[in-house]
């Protein structure tokens, strides 16, 4: 059903398609991570928790970004996600998974999330600056204002 939902979202004008990954803190259908990274129709796999090396490798191949979540609970597996991504070449993003205004991120907090996942130095800059720019540069995505350089 992920393929159908992604197609419908695009047909309705969605610029980005994000799939709710197999987080360890909520019931999610087994195989969701795999389906999301194999389709070629998804932009971001949110909180994929205990993602396998094969699925992370497929994510790198298909261009699906993997989320490091700032949300309580979902963030418990960020270290694992970061290690899998580093080992396979998958691209990471830090995201709030905001459910309300209190969940919105500050620059200081995204730095802590990235570093808390085990990233250091240039890897932090890549995840917080280069990868979001790459995501927003995908065909079909339109910014209301151009990104500052």
Protein backbone atom coordinates (compact mmCIF):
# COMPACT_ATOMS: atom_id res chain seq x y z
CA UNK A 1 0.00 0.00 0.00
CA UNK A 2 3.01 2.31 0.36
CA UNK A 3 3.42 2.49 -3.41
CA UNK A 4 -0.24 3.43 -3.86
CA UNK A 5 -0.09 6.04 -1.11
CA UNK A 6 3.11 7.55 -2.55
CA UNK A 7 1.57 7.70 -6.03
CA UNK A 8 -1.59 9.30 -4.68
CA UNK A 9 0.38 11.84 -2.66
CA UNK A 10 2.35 12.86 -5.76
CA UNK A 11 -0.80 13.04 -7.89
CA UNK A 12 -2.32 15.37 -5.30
CA UNK A 13 0.72 17.64 -5.52
CA UNK A 14 2.95 16.45 -2.67
CA UNK A 15 6.50 17.68 -3.08
CA UNK A 16 7.93 15.29 -0.52
CA UNK A 17 6.80 11.80 0.43
CA UNK A 18 7.74 10.64 3.90
CA UNK A 19 7.03 7.12 5.18
CA UNK A 20 6.60 6.33 8.88
CA UNK A 21 9.39 3.83 9.51
CA UNK A 22 9.50 0.82 11.78
CA UNK A 23 10.13 2.68 15.02
CA UNK A 24 10.72 0.57 18.09
CA UNK A 25 8.16 2.52 20.13
CA UNK A 26 5.04 2.12 17.98
CA UNK A 27 3.51 -0.82 16.14
CA UNK A 28 4.47 -0.61 12.47
CA UNK A 29 4.00 -3.33 9.88
CA UNK A 30 7.08 -5.52 9.39
CA UNK A 31 8.65 -4.78 6.02
CA UNK A 32 7.68 -1.09 5.99
CA UNK A 33 11.31 0.09 5.94
CA UNK A 34 12.13 -2.29 3.10
CA UNK A 35 9.12 -1.26 1.02
CA UNK A 36 9.86 2.44 1.49
CA UNK A 37 13.49 2.22 0.35
CA UNK A 38 12.85 -0.15 -2.57
CA UNK A 39 10.07 1.80 -4.30
CA UNK A 40 11.95 4.78 -5.66
CA UNK A 41 8.88 6.89 -4.79
CA UNK A 42 9.76 7.94 -1.24
CA UNK A 43 11.95 10.87 -0.21
CA UNK A 44 12.40 10.27 3.52
CA UNK A 45 12.05 7.22 5.74
CA UNK A 46 11.19 8.62 9.17
CA UNK A 47 12.63 7.00 12.29
CA UNK A 48 13.54 3.64 10.73
CA UNK A 49 14.94 2.45 14.11
CA UNK A 50 16.61 -0.94 13.71
CA UNK A 51 17.01 -0.63 9.94
CA UNK A 52 18.96 -3.48 8.41
CA UNK A 53 22.22 -3.01 6.54
CA UNK A 54 20.50 -4.22 3.36
CA UNK A 55 17.71 -1.66 3.71
CA UNK A 56 20.19 1.13 4.51
CA UNK A 57 22.23 0.14 1.44
CA UNK A 58 19.06 0.20 -0.68
CA UNK A 59 18.25 3.61 0.77
CA UNK A 60 21.61 4.87 -0.47
CA UNK A 61 20.95 3.41 -3.91
CA UNK A 62 17.39 4.72 -4.25
CA UNK A 63 18.11 8.14 -2.74
CA UNK A 64 15.82 7.81 0.27
CA UNK A 65 17.00 9.91 3.21
CA UNK A 66 16.94 8.29 6.65
CA UNK A 67 15.74 10.32 9.62
CA UNK A 68 17.55 10.84 12.87
CA UNK A 69 14.59 11.80 15.02
CA UNK A 70 14.61 14.39 17.79
CA UNK A 71 11.36 12.95 19.12
CA UNK A 72 11.39 11.09 22.43
CA UNK A 73 11.20 7.36 21.91
CA UNK A 74 11.92 7.46 18.19
CA UNK A 75 15.38 8.81 18.97
CA UNK A 76 16.37 5.70 20.95
CA UNK A 77 17.72 4.03 17.81
CA UNK A 78 19.46 7.08 16.28
CA UNK A 79 22.92 5.64 17.00
CA UNK A 80 22.06 2.45 15.13
CA UNK A 81 20.63 4.40 12.19
CA UNK A 82 23.72 6.61 12.01
CA UNK A 83 26.06 3.59 12.06
CA UNK A 84 24.09 1.82 9.32
CA UNK A 85 24.03 4.96 7.19
CA UNK A 86 27.74 5.59 7.65
CA UNK A 87 28.56 1.99 6.74
CA UNK A 88 26.36 1.94 3.62
CA UNK A 89 26.50 5.48 2.26
CA UNK A 90 22.87 6.27 3.08
CA UNK A 91 22.05 9.94 3.62
CA UNK A 92 20.74 11.20 6.95
CA UNK A 93 18.57 14.11 8.06
CA UNK A 94 17.76 15.37 11.54
CA UNK A 95 14.05 15.97 11.93
CA UNK A 96 11.78 17.01 14.78
CA UNK A 97 8.81 14.71 14.11
CA UNK A 98 6.98 17.67 15.65
CA UNK A 99 3.54 17.05 17.06
CA UNK A 100 3.25 20.58 18.45
CA UNK A 101 5.11 23.88 18.75
CA UNK A 102 7.08 22.63 21.75
CA UNK A 103 8.71 20.02 19.48
CA UNK A 104 10.20 22.50 17.01
CA UNK A 105 13.99 22.43 16.82
CA UNK A 106 16.63 25.01 17.53
CA UNK A 107 20.08 25.02 15.94
CA UNK A 108 21.58 23.98 19.27
CA UNK A 109 19.18 21.04 19.60
CA UNK A 110 19.78 19.66 16.09
CA UNK A 111 23.52 19.75 16.84
CA UNK A 112 22.87 17.70 20.00
CA UNK A 113 20.70 15.19 18.14
CA UNK A 114 23.36 14.66 15.46
CA UNK A 115 26.18 14.38 17.96
CA UNK A 116 24.08 12.19 20.24
CA UNK A 117 23.68 9.77 17.33
CA UNK A 118 27.47 9.42 17.26
CA UNK A 119 28.25 11.79 14.42
CA UNK A 120 31.30 14.03 14.66
CA UNK A 121 32.98 16.89 12.81
CA UNK A 122 32.32 17.01 9.08
CA UNK A 123 29.62 14.32 9.35
CA UNK A 124 27.54 16.66 11.53
CA UNK A 125 27.86 19.48 8.99
CA UNK A 126 26.95 17.13 6.16
CA UNK A 127 23.82 15.86 7.91
CA UNK A 128 22.68 19.31 9.05
CA UNK A 129 23.57 21.34 5.95
CA UNK A 130 24.43 19.33 2.83
CA UNK A 131 21.78 16.62 3.07
CA UNK A 132 18.84 19.00 3.62
CA UNK A 133 20.01 21.02 0.60
CA UNK A 134 20.17 17.82 -1.46
CA UNK A 135 16.65 16.86 -0.40
CA UNK A 136 15.28 20.30 -1.24
CA UNK A 137 17.04 20.24 -4.61
CA UNK A 138 15.14 17.11 -5.71
CA UNK A 139 13.10 17.59 -8.88
CA UNK A 140 9.59 18.77 -8.18
CA UNK A 141 10.35 20.42 -4.86
CA UNK A 142 9.70 24.14 -4.88
CA UNK A 143 10.83 26.54 -2.22
CA UNK A 144 8.87 29.69 -1.48
CA UNK A 145 12.24 31.39 -1.11
CA UNK A 146 15.65 30.28 -2.41
CA UNK A 147 18.05 28.79 0.12
CA UNK A 148 20.69 31.20 1.40
CA UNK A 149 24.21 30.15 0.49
